[in-house]
Amino acid sequence: MKKIFYYLLLMLPLGMLATSCDDDDNNIPNVSIQATISGGVFDDDEIYVVQGEPLKIDGLTLVNNTNKEGTLGAVTYYWDHYLIGTNITQPFSLTVNTAEQPLGRHLLQAQMPIYVVDYPICWGYIQYYVNIVESATDLPGGGEAGDQPTSKVVSGIIKAKE
């Protein structure tokens, strides 16, 4: 009888552990990310920039649609799937030297942790195709970069941390 009582006492913490876990791992906050650029223009979810002009991501901002406080963590940038840098300070800016890049379509990606109060840590992923063109007349609308939108809110992909 003492053995049974002893085993029951050992199983008590396991029962408490199982009941203390909740199922909030897939509870993802309703957020999006706003990207502000200079040196290029947004058109149809792509960025256009004249070769030789620097493309600058002036900043990434969390657009928080929850009633909780939130922020972005360090942003890691990739150009054509290659790591080009990480910025740990707000506004998470980056400058891409397009003079050394060939004309055509390239892929700019960013990944960052998203911290929102009362939600699990999530990861945000955004990407843009960047079209490097030869002259300003090749930009959408044939205008200068200053005539076009330079900020865009995107939802990207938000995933719970695994």
C-alpha atoms as a PDB file:
ATOM      1  CA  MET A   1       0.000   0.000   0.000  1.00  0.00           C
ATOM      2  CA  LYS A   2       2.892   2.335   0.767  1.00  0.00           C
ATOM      3  CA  LYS A   3       4.296   1.796  -2.757  1.00  0.00           C
ATOM      4  CA  ILE A   4       1.003   2.750  -4.395  1.00  0.00           C
ATOM      5  CA  PHE A   5       0.733   5.874  -2.259  1.00  0.00           C
ATOM      6  CA  TYR A   6       4.365   6.752  -3.104  1.00  0.00           C
ATOM      7  CA  TYR A   7       3.719   6.361  -6.870  1.00  0.00           C
ATOM      8  CA  LEU A   8       0.589   8.490  -6.621  1.00  0.00           C
ATOM      9  CA  LEU A   9       2.610  11.241  -4.942  1.00  0.00           C
ATOM     10  CA  LEU A  10       5.178  11.082  -7.748  1.00  0.00           C
ATOM     11  CA  MET A  11       2.456  11.389 -10.390  1.00  0.00           C
ATOM     12  CA  LEU A  12       0.885  14.481  -8.769  1.00  0.00           C
ATOM     13  CA  PRO A  13       3.443  16.971 -10.244  1.00  0.00           C
ATOM     14  CA  LEU A  14       2.972  15.411 -13.685  1.00  0.00           C
ATOM     15  CA  GLY A  15      -0.755  16.040 -13.448  1.00  0.00           C
ATOM     16  CA  MET A  16      -0.141  19.670 -12.510  1.00  0.00           C
ATOM     17  CA  LEU A  17       2.314  20.082 -15.383  1.00  0.00           C
ATOM     18  CA  ALA A  18      -0.188  18.767 -17.919  1.00  0.00           C
ATOM     19  CA  THR A  19      -2.932  21.115 -16.732  1.00  0.00           C
ATOM     20  CA  SER A  20      -0.677  24.188 -16.619  1.00  0.00           C
ATOM     21  CA  CYS A  21      -0.015  24.145 -20.367  1.00  0.00           C
ATOM     22  CA  ASP A  22      -2.383  26.134 -22.546  1.00  0.00           C
ATOM     23  CA  ASP A  23      -2.940  26.098 -26.273  1.00  0.00           C
ATOM     24  CA  ASP A  24      -1.892  29.626 -27.266  1.00  0.00           C
ATOM     25  CA  ASP A  25       0.960  28.583 -29.560  1.00  0.00           C
ATOM     26  CA  ASN A  26      -1.086  29.366 -32.668  1.00  0.00           C
ATOM     27  CA  ASN A  27      -2.463  32.631 -31.283  1.00  0.00           C
ATOM     28  CA  ILE A  28      -0.915  35.064 -33.784  1.00  0.00           C
ATOM     29  CA  PRO A  29      -1.358  38.837 -33.320  1.00  0.00           C
ATOM     30  CA  ASN A  30      -3.137  40.877 -35.984  1.00  0.00           C
ATOM     31  CA  VAL A  31      -0.178  42.946 -37.192  1.00  0.00           C
ATOM     32  CA  SER A  32       1.396  44.088 -40.432  1.00  0.00           C
ATOM     33  CA  ILE A  33       4.605  45.864 -41.380  1.00  0.00           C
ATOM     34  CA  GLN A  34       5.016  49.235 -43.079  1.00  0.00           C
ATOM     35  CA  ALA A  35       8.070  49.712 -45.268  1.00  0.00           C
ATOM     36  CA  THR A  36       9.250  53.215 -46.194  1.00  0.00           C
ATOM     37  CA  ILE A  37      11.826  53.576 -48.960  1.00  0.00           C
ATOM     38  CA  SER A  38      13.719  56.294 -50.798  1.00  0.00           C
ATOM     39  CA  GLY A  39      15.564  56.170 -54.089  1.00  0.00           C
ATOM     40  CA  GLY A  40      12.931  53.903 -55.655  1.00  0.00           C
ATOM     41  CA  VAL A  41       9.204  53.666 -56.248  1.00  0.00           C
ATOM     42  CA  PHE A  42       6.517  51.112 -55.406  1.00  0.00           C
ATOM     43  CA  ASP A  43       4.378  49.888 -58.291  1.00  0.00           C
ATOM     44  CA  ASP A  44       2.223  46.729 -58.271  1.00  0.00           C
ATOM     45  CA  ASP A  45       3.953  45.420 -55.117  1.00  0.00           C
ATOM     46  CA  GLU A  46       7.389  45.799 -56.701  1.00  0.00           C
ATOM     47  CA  ILE A  47      10.107  48.386 -56.226  1.00  0.00           C
ATOM     48  CA  TYR A  48      11.729  50.125 -59.183  1.00  0.00           C
ATOM     49  CA  VAL A  49      15.092  51.878 -58.894  1.00  0.00           C
ATOM     50  CA  VAL A  50      17.496  53.436 -61.400  1.00  0.00           C
ATOM     51  CA  GLN A  51      20.839  51.630 -61.608  1.00  0.00           C
ATOM     52  CA  GLY A  52      23.501  53.582 -59.732  1.00  0.00           C
ATOM     53  CA  GLU A  53      20.982  55.256 -57.392  1.00  0.00           C
ATOM     54  CA  PRO A  54      21.073  53.879 -53.852  1.00  0.00           C
ATOM     55  CA  LEU A  55      17.915  52.129 -52.738  1.00  0.00           C
ATOM     56  CA  LYS A  56      17.339  52.929 -49.089  1.00  0.00           C
ATOM     57  CA  ILE A  57      14.891  51.231 -46.789  1.00  0.00           C
ATOM     58  CA  ASP A  58      14.298  54.189 -44.492  1.00  0.00           C
ATOM     59  CA  GLY A  59      12.504  52.068 -41.989  1.00  0.00           C
ATOM     60  CA  LEU A  60      10.199  49.214 -41.101  1.00  0.00           C
ATOM     61  CA  THR A  61       7.387  49.920 -38.680  1.00  0.00           C
ATOM     62  CA  LEU A  62       5.005  47.558 -36.929  1.00  0.00           C
ATOM     63  CA  VAL A  63       1.357  48.321 -37.725  1.00  0.00           C
ATOM     64  CA  ASN A  64      -0.302  46.894 -34.651  1.00  0.00           C
ATOM     65  CA  ASN A  65      -4.031  46.155 -34.962  1.00  0.00           C
ATOM     66  CA  THR A  66      -4.275  44.735 -31.446  1.00  0.00           C
ATOM     67  CA  ASN A  67      -4.900  46.705 -28.267  1.00  0.00           C
ATOM     68  CA  LYS A  68      -1.573  45.509 -26.860  1.00  0.00           C
ATOM     69  CA  GLU A  69       1.886  47.049 -27.040  1.00  0.00           C
ATOM     70  CA  GLY A  70       4.245  45.551 -29.599  1.00  0.00           C
ATOM     71  CA  THR A  71       7.537  46.060 -31.379  1.00  0.00           C
ATOM     72  CA  LEU A  72       9.842  44.543 -33.977  1.00  0.00           C
ATOM     73  CA  GLY A  73      13.134  42.873 -33.121  1.00  0.00           C
ATOM     74  CA  ALA A  74      16.361  42.859 -35.147  1.00  0.00           C
ATOM     75  CA  VAL A  75      15.687  42.831 -38.901  1.00  0.00           C
ATOM     76  CA  THR A  76      17.782  40.588 -41.126  1.00  0.00           C
ATOM     77  CA  TYR A  77      17.940  41.511 -44.828  1.00  0.00           C
ATOM     78  CA  TYR A  78      18.610  39.259 -47.818  1.00  0.00           C
ATOM     79  CA  TRP A  79      19.309  40.204 -51.453  1.00  0.00           C
ATOM     80  CA  ASP A  80      18.661  37.437 -53.977  1.00  0.00           C
ATOM     81  CA  HIS A  81      18.642  34.962 -51.052  1.00  0.00           C
ATOM     82  CA  TYR A  82      22.063  36.090 -49.763  1.00  0.00           C
ATOM     83  CA  LEU A  83      22.463  37.696 -46.340  1.00  0.00           C
ATOM     84  CA  ILE A  84      23.385  41.369 -46.732  1.00  0.00           C
ATOM     85  CA  GLY A  85      22.952  42.631 -43.192  1.00  0.00           C
ATOM     86  CA  THR A  86      21.148  42.812 -39.891  1.00  0.00           C
ATOM     87  CA  ASN A  87      19.976  45.976 -38.202  1.00  0.00           C
ATOM     88  CA  ILE A  88      19.180  45.823 -34.489  1.00  0.00           C
ATOM     89  CA  THR A  89      18.113  49.441 -33.978  1.00  0.00           C
ATOM     90  CA  GLN A  90      14.925  51.197 -34.969  1.00  0.00           C
ATOM     91  CA  PRO A  91      13.970  52.215 -37.656  1.00  0.00           C
ATOM     92  CA  PHE A  92      15.842  49.184 -39.086  1.00  0.00           C
ATOM     93  CA  SER A  93      17.192  50.998 -42.157  1.00  0.00           C
ATOM     94  CA  LEU A  94      19.327  49.561 -44.944  1.00  0.00           C
ATOM     95  CA  THR A  95      21.007  50.961 -48.061  1.00  0.00           C
ATOM     96  CA  VAL A  96      21.504  48.828 -51.180  1.00  0.00           C
ATOM     97  CA  ASN A  97      24.168  49.975 -53.651  1.00  0.00           C
ATOM     98  CA  THR A  98      22.528  49.354 -57.032  1.00  0.00           C
ATOM     99  CA  ALA A  99      25.588  50.473 -59.029  1.00  0.00           C
ATOM    100  CA  GLU A 100      27.126  47.048 -58.510  1.00  0.00           C
ATOM    101  CA  GLN A 101      23.931  45.158 -59.357  1.00  0.00           C
ATOM    102  CA  PRO A 102      22.971  44.044 -62.871  1.00  0.00           C
ATOM    103  CA  LEU A 103      19.850  45.377 -64.563  1.00  0.00           C
ATOM    104  CA  GLY A 104      16.745  43.280 -64.044  1.00  0.00           C
ATOM    105  CA  ARG A 105      14.672  41.774 -61.303  1.00  0.00           C
ATOM    106  CA  HIS A 106      16.095  41.007 -57.856  1.00  0.00           C
ATOM    107  CA  LEU A 107      14.593  39.782 -54.596  1.00  0.00           C
ATOM    108  CA  LEU A 108      14.812  41.805 -51.370  1.00  0.00           C
ATOM    109  CA  GLN A 109      13.690  39.955 -48.243  1.00  0.00           C
ATOM    110  CA  ALA A 110      13.477  40.863 -44.571  1.00  0.00           C
ATOM    111  CA  GLN A 111      12.825  38.699 -41.551  1.00  0.00           C
ATOM    112  CA  MET A 112      12.244  39.866 -38.007  1.00  0.00           C
ATOM    113  CA  PRO A 113      10.836  38.721 -34.659  1.00  0.00           C
ATOM    114  CA  ILE A 114       7.593  40.388 -33.613  1.00  0.00           C
ATOM    115  CA  TYR A 115       6.914  40.945 -29.937  1.00  0.00           C
ATOM    116  CA  VAL A 116       3.342  41.741 -28.836  1.00  0.00           C
ATOM    117  CA  VAL A 117       2.212  41.655 -25.205  1.00  0.00           C
ATOM    118  CA  ASP A 118       0.147  38.530 -24.313  1.00  0.00           C
ATOM    119  CA  TYR A 119       1.049  36.788 -27.604  1.00  0.00           C
ATOM    120  CA  PRO A 120       3.799  34.266 -28.293  1.00  0.00           C
ATOM    121  CA  ILE A 121       6.905  35.520 -30.096  1.00  0.00           C
ATOM    122  CA  CYS A 122       6.211  35.504 -33.828  1.00  0.00           C
ATOM    123  CA  TRP A 123       8.381  35.872 -36.917  1.00  0.00           C
ATOM    124  CA  GLY A 124       7.565  38.248 -39.747  1.00  0.00           C
ATOM    125  CA  TYR A 125       8.752  37.714 -43.299  1.00  0.00           C
ATOM    126  CA  ILE A 126       8.351  40.250 -46.093  1.00  0.00           C
ATOM    127  CA  GLN A 127       9.760  40.347 -49.571  1.00  0.00           C
ATOM    128  CA  TYR A 128       9.781  42.673 -52.553  1.00  0.00           C
ATOM    129  CA  TYR A 129      10.943  42.238 -56.081  1.00  0.00           C
ATOM    130  CA  VAL A 130      13.308  45.066 -56.977  1.00  0.00           C
ATOM    131  CA  ASN A 131      13.581  45.987 -60.639  1.00  0.00           C
ATOM    132  CA  ILE A 132      16.783  47.816 -61.476  1.00  0.00           C
ATOM    133  CA  VAL A 133      16.239  49.905 -64.606  1.00  0.00           C
ATOM    134  CA  GLU A 134      18.665  51.816 -66.806  1.00  0.00           C
ATOM    135  CA  SER A 135      17.191  55.328 -66.596  1.00  0.00           C
ATOM    136  CA  ALA A 136      14.474  57.364 -64.876  1.00  0.00           C
ATOM    137  CA  THR A 137      12.295  57.145 -67.984  1.00  0.00           C
ATOM    138  CA  ASP A 138      12.046  53.385 -67.356  1.00  0.00           C
ATOM    139  CA  LEU A 139      10.422  53.962 -63.953  1.00  0.00           C
ATOM    140  CA  PRO A 140       6.651  53.304 -63.762  1.00  0.00           C
ATOM    141  CA  GLY A 141       4.868  56.323 -65.221  1.00  0.00           C
ATOM    142  CA  GLY A 142       8.144  57.516 -66.733  1.00  0.00           C
ATOM    143  CA  GLY A 143       8.575  59.963 -63.862  1.00  0.00           C
ATOM    144  CA  GLU A 144      11.140  60.620 -61.200  1.00  0.00           C
ATOM    145  CA  ALA A 145      11.233  58.571 -58.038  1.00  0.00           C
ATOM    146  CA  GLY A 146       9.882  61.563 -56.074  1.00  0.00           C
ATOM    147  CA  ASP A 147       6.571  61.448 -57.985  1.00  0.00           C
ATOM    148  CA  GLN A 148       5.653  57.927 -56.864  1.00  0.00           C
ATOM    149  CA  PRO A 149       4.600  56.341 -53.549  1.00  0.00           C
ATOM    150  CA  THR A 150       7.473  55.511 -51.226  1.00  0.00           C
ATOM    151  CA  SER A 151       5.639  53.774 -48.378  1.00  0.00           C
ATOM    152  CA  LYS A 152       3.592  50.598 -48.333  1.00  0.00           C
ATOM    153  CA  VAL A 153       1.877  48.556 -45.640  1.00  0.00           C
ATOM    154  CA  VAL A 154       2.227  44.811 -46.177  1.00  0.00           C
ATOM    155  CA  SER A 155       0.956  41.898 -44.189  1.00  0.00           C
ATOM    156  CA  GLY A 156       3.803  39.588 -45.147  1.00  0.00           C
ATOM    157  CA  ILE A 157       3.870  36.216 -43.450  1.00  0.00           C
ATOM    158  CA  ILE A 158       3.511  36.073 -39.694  1.00  0.00           C
ATOM    159  CA  LYS A 159       4.375  32.740 -38.064  1.00  0.00           C
ATOM    160  CA  ALA A 160       4.470  31.630 -34.488  1.00  0.00           C
ATOM    161  CA  LYS A 161       7.969  30.839 -33.262  1.00  0.00           C
ATOM    162  CA  GLU A 162       8.649  27.118 -33.342  1.00  0.00           C
END
